Amino acid sequence: MANTLSRMERDGLIVRKKHPSDKRAQQVFLTDKAREMEAEAKEAALAADQSLFSGFRHFERELMLEYMRKAIANTQRNGRLPPAS
């Protein structure tokens, strides 16, 4: 997660601010640049999802997603992939 936030900050998509009452915490806010990209990104993700699962019934889609999550978790546990960030 930290790497993802660092990249997003580098790319001008988020800003981090110190939490007003908890000195250990930071607050993360989307920038205007990120908000402008949000609708387009959601639309692209939905189109990809619909294309990938075209012809699947709802329960088949959910089952496939569960199997994919398990396979990724197994791969991470076995050291084949770095943890998602």
Protein backbone atom coordinates (compact mmCIF):
# COMPACT_ATOMS: atom_id res chain seq x y z
CA MET A 1 0.00 0.00 0.00
CA ALA A 2 2.81 2.41 0.86
CA ASN A 3 4.41 1.93 -2.57
CA THR A 4 1.12 2.55 -4.33
CA LEU A 5 0.52 5.73 -2.34
CA SER A 6 4.07 6.91 -3.04
CA ARG A 7 3.59 6.43 -6.77
CA MET A 8 0.23 8.19 -6.66
CA GLU A 9 1.78 11.08 -4.76
CA ARG A 10 4.66 11.25 -7.24
CA ASP A 11 2.17 11.35 -10.11
CA GLY A 12 0.16 14.14 -8.50
CA LEU A 13 -2.91 12.01 -7.78
CA ILE A 14 -2.95 12.32 -3.97
CA VAL A 15 -1.73 14.63 -1.25
CA ARG A 16 -0.91 13.50 2.27
CA LYS A 17 -1.59 15.68 5.29
CA LYS A 18 -0.83 15.11 8.95
CA HIS A 19 -3.85 14.04 10.94
CA PRO A 20 -4.96 16.97 13.10
CA SER A 21 -5.25 14.98 16.33
CA ASP A 22 -3.19 11.81 15.79
CA LYS A 23 0.48 12.55 15.11
CA ARG A 24 1.07 8.94 14.01
CA ALA A 25 -1.51 9.09 11.22
CA GLN A 26 -1.76 10.78 7.86
CA GLN A 27 -4.80 11.69 5.86
CA VAL A 28 -4.81 10.98 2.13
CA PHE A 29 -6.80 13.12 -0.31
CA LEU A 30 -7.36 12.85 -4.04
CA THR A 31 -6.15 15.79 -6.09
CA ASP A 32 -8.24 17.51 -8.76
CA LYS A 33 -6.15 15.63 -11.33
CA ALA A 34 -7.20 12.29 -9.80
CA ARG A 35 -10.85 13.32 -9.59
CA GLU A 36 -10.79 14.22 -13.29
CA MET A 37 -9.47 10.74 -14.09
CA GLU A 38 -11.86 8.88 -11.77
CA ALA A 39 -14.90 8.60 -14.05
CA GLU A 40 -12.82 7.52 -17.04
CA ALA A 41 -10.95 4.92 -14.96
CA LYS A 42 -14.19 3.48 -13.56
CA GLU A 43 -15.68 3.33 -17.04
CA ALA A 44 -12.61 1.52 -18.41
CA ALA A 45 -12.64 -0.96 -15.51
CA LEU A 46 -16.33 -1.69 -16.03
CA ALA A 47 -15.82 -2.23 -19.78
CA ALA A 48 -12.92 -4.61 -19.11
CA ASP A 49 -14.97 -6.48 -16.51
CA GLN A 50 -17.93 -6.83 -18.87
CA SER A 51 -15.68 -8.03 -21.69
CA LEU A 52 -13.84 -10.53 -19.51
CA PHE A 53 -16.99 -12.05 -18.07
CA SER A 54 -19.15 -11.86 -21.19
CA GLY A 55 -21.45 -14.87 -21.30
CA PHE A 56 -20.88 -15.82 -17.66
CA ARG A 57 -23.90 -16.20 -15.40
CA HIS A 58 -23.70 -14.22 -12.15
CA PHE A 59 -22.79 -17.21 -9.97
CA GLU A 60 -20.12 -18.29 -12.50
CA ARG A 61 -18.54 -14.84 -12.39
CA GLU A 62 -18.50 -14.82 -8.58
CA LEU A 63 -17.06 -18.34 -8.46
CA MET A 64 -14.33 -17.45 -10.97
CA LEU A 65 -13.37 -14.36 -8.96
CA GLU A 66 -13.17 -16.43 -5.78
CA TYR A 67 -10.93 -18.99 -7.50
CA MET A 68 -8.70 -16.19 -8.82
CA ARG A 69 -8.37 -14.67 -5.33
CA LYS A 70 -7.40 -18.07 -3.90
CA ALA A 71 -4.83 -18.69 -6.65
CA ILE A 72 -3.24 -15.27 -6.09
CA ALA A 73 -3.14 -15.82 -2.31
CA ASN A 74 -1.52 -19.24 -2.81
CA THR A 75 1.05 -17.78 -5.17
CA GLN A 76 1.92 -14.99 -2.74
CA ARG A 77 2.15 -17.42 0.16
CA ASN A 78 4.52 -19.62 -1.83
CA GLY A 79 6.76 -16.68 -2.72
CA ARG A 80 5.95 -16.67 -6.42
CA LEU A 81 4.54 -13.15 -6.53
CA PRO A 82 5.26 -10.09 -4.42
CA PRO A 83 2.37 -9.03 -2.20
CA ALA A 84 -0.11 -6.68 -3.88
CA SER A 85 0.62 -3.04 -3.16
